[in-house]
Amino acid sequence: MRSASARRWSSGNVANLTRADAAEFFDVASRAEVKTEIACYRLEDANRALADLRKGRLQGAAALDP
């Protein structure tokens, strides 16, 4: 049986996640060898970041660096 936090994550309802839920998630993610990808854009390139997002050119997350 899955934990309550696992059920909340899989349902898409993350509004009531607790700190313990997040700790459990990161533990599972590290054991599953989840790799993150972050594309960094300078603040003045924000429009390019949005265009890349809209055109599906990003995998993972994008961050603006002021």
C-alpha atoms as a PDB file:
ATOM      1  CA  MET A   1       0.000   0.000   0.000  1.00  0.00           C
ATOM      2  CA  ARG A   2       1.300   3.445  -0.925  1.00  0.00           C
ATOM      3  CA  SER A   3       1.831   6.120   1.698  1.00  0.00           C
ATOM      4  CA  ALA A   4      -0.596   9.022   1.994  1.00  0.00           C
ATOM      5  CA  SER A   5       1.988  11.388   0.532  1.00  0.00           C
ATOM      6  CA  ALA A   6       2.564   9.079  -2.458  1.00  0.00           C
ATOM      7  CA  ARG A   7      -1.164   9.082  -3.127  1.00  0.00           C
ATOM      8  CA  ARG A   8      -1.246  12.900  -2.965  1.00  0.00           C
ATOM      9  CA  TRP A   9       1.729  13.242  -5.339  1.00  0.00           C
ATOM     10  CA  SER A  10       0.237  10.846  -7.883  1.00  0.00           C
ATOM     11  CA  SER A  11      -3.197  12.479  -7.706  1.00  0.00           C
ATOM     12  CA  GLY A  12      -1.747  15.864  -8.667  1.00  0.00           C
ATOM     13  CA  ASN A  13      -3.090  17.350  -5.428  1.00  0.00           C
ATOM     14  CA  VAL A  14      -0.018  18.835  -3.792  1.00  0.00           C
ATOM     15  CA  ALA A  15      -1.792  21.652  -1.938  1.00  0.00           C
ATOM     16  CA  ASN A  16      -1.623  19.852   1.410  1.00  0.00           C
ATOM     17  CA  LEU A  17       1.877  18.409   1.253  1.00  0.00           C
ATOM     18  CA  THR A  18       3.851  18.553   4.466  1.00  0.00           C
ATOM     19  CA  ARG A  19       7.556  18.930   5.100  1.00  0.00           C
ATOM     20  CA  ALA A  20       7.636  15.189   5.846  1.00  0.00           C
ATOM     21  CA  ASP A  21       5.976  14.495   2.479  1.00  0.00           C
ATOM     22  CA  ALA A  22       8.693  16.503   0.722  1.00  0.00           C
ATOM     23  CA  ALA A  23      11.424  14.662   2.629  1.00  0.00           C
ATOM     24  CA  GLU A  24       9.896  11.336   1.592  1.00  0.00           C
ATOM     25  CA  PHE A  25       9.679  12.499  -2.018  1.00  0.00           C
ATOM     26  CA  PHE A  26      13.343  13.542  -2.145  1.00  0.00           C
ATOM     27  CA  ASP A  27      14.382  10.254  -0.565  1.00  0.00           C
ATOM     28  CA  VAL A  28      12.497   8.290  -3.223  1.00  0.00           C
ATOM     29  CA  ALA A  29      13.766  10.576  -6.014  1.00  0.00           C
ATOM     30  CA  SER A  30      17.387  10.100  -4.966  1.00  0.00           C
ATOM     31  CA  ARG A  31      17.022   6.314  -4.855  1.00  0.00           C
ATOM     32  CA  ALA A  32      15.377   6.393  -8.297  1.00  0.00           C
ATOM     33  CA  GLU A  33      18.330   8.473  -9.551  1.00  0.00           C
ATOM     34  CA  VAL A  34      16.068  11.260 -10.789  1.00  0.00           C
ATOM     35  CA  LYS A  35      18.141  13.804 -12.693  1.00  0.00           C
ATOM     36  CA  THR A  36      17.030  17.399 -13.072  1.00  0.00           C
ATOM     37  CA  GLU A  37      17.737  19.731 -15.958  1.00  0.00           C
ATOM     38  CA  ILE A  38      17.703  23.491 -15.565  1.00  0.00           C
ATOM     39  CA  ALA A  39      18.178  25.989 -18.370  1.00  0.00           C
ATOM     40  CA  CYS A  40      19.392  29.355 -17.056  1.00  0.00           C
ATOM     41  CA  TYR A  41      18.580  32.580 -18.864  1.00  0.00           C
ATOM     42  CA  ARG A  42      19.748  36.094 -18.106  1.00  0.00           C
ATOM     43  CA  LEU A  43      16.904  38.360 -17.031  1.00  0.00           C
ATOM     44  CA  GLU A  44      17.168  40.344 -20.256  1.00  0.00           C
ATOM     45  CA  ASP A  45      16.573  37.065 -22.146  1.00  0.00           C
ATOM     46  CA  ALA A  46      13.229  36.379 -20.455  1.00  0.00           C
ATOM     47  CA  ASN A  47      11.327  36.667 -23.740  1.00  0.00           C
ATOM     48  CA  ARG A  48      13.612  34.056 -25.307  1.00  0.00           C
ATOM     49  CA  ALA A  49      12.999  31.774 -22.323  1.00  0.00           C
ATOM     50  CA  LEU A  50       9.248  32.114 -22.792  1.00  0.00           C
ATOM     51  CA  ALA A  51       9.563  31.438 -26.522  1.00  0.00           C
ATOM     52  CA  ASP A  52      11.642  28.316 -25.826  1.00  0.00           C
ATOM     53  CA  LEU A  53       9.012  27.148 -23.338  1.00  0.00           C
ATOM     54  CA  ARG A  54       6.141  27.741 -25.760  1.00  0.00           C
ATOM     55  CA  LYS A  55       7.921  25.953 -28.618  1.00  0.00           C
ATOM     56  CA  GLY A  56       8.801  22.923 -26.500  1.00  0.00           C
ATOM     57  CA  ARG A  57      12.553  23.512 -26.635  1.00  0.00           C
ATOM     58  CA  LEU A  58      12.984  23.070 -22.878  1.00  0.00           C
ATOM     59  CA  GLN A  59      13.319  19.872 -20.918  1.00  0.00           C
ATOM     60  CA  GLY A  60      13.051  20.295 -17.176  1.00  0.00           C
ATOM     61  CA  ALA A  61      12.926  23.778 -15.696  1.00  0.00           C
ATOM     62  CA  ALA A  62      14.010  27.224 -16.722  1.00  0.00           C
ATOM     63  CA  ALA A  63      15.355  29.880 -14.378  1.00  0.00           C
ATOM     64  CA  LEU A  64      15.964  33.587 -14.826  1.00  0.00           C
ATOM     65  CA  ASP A  65      19.236  34.886 -13.406  1.00  0.00           C
ATOM     66  CA  PRO A  66      19.098  38.607 -12.645  1.00  0.00           C
END
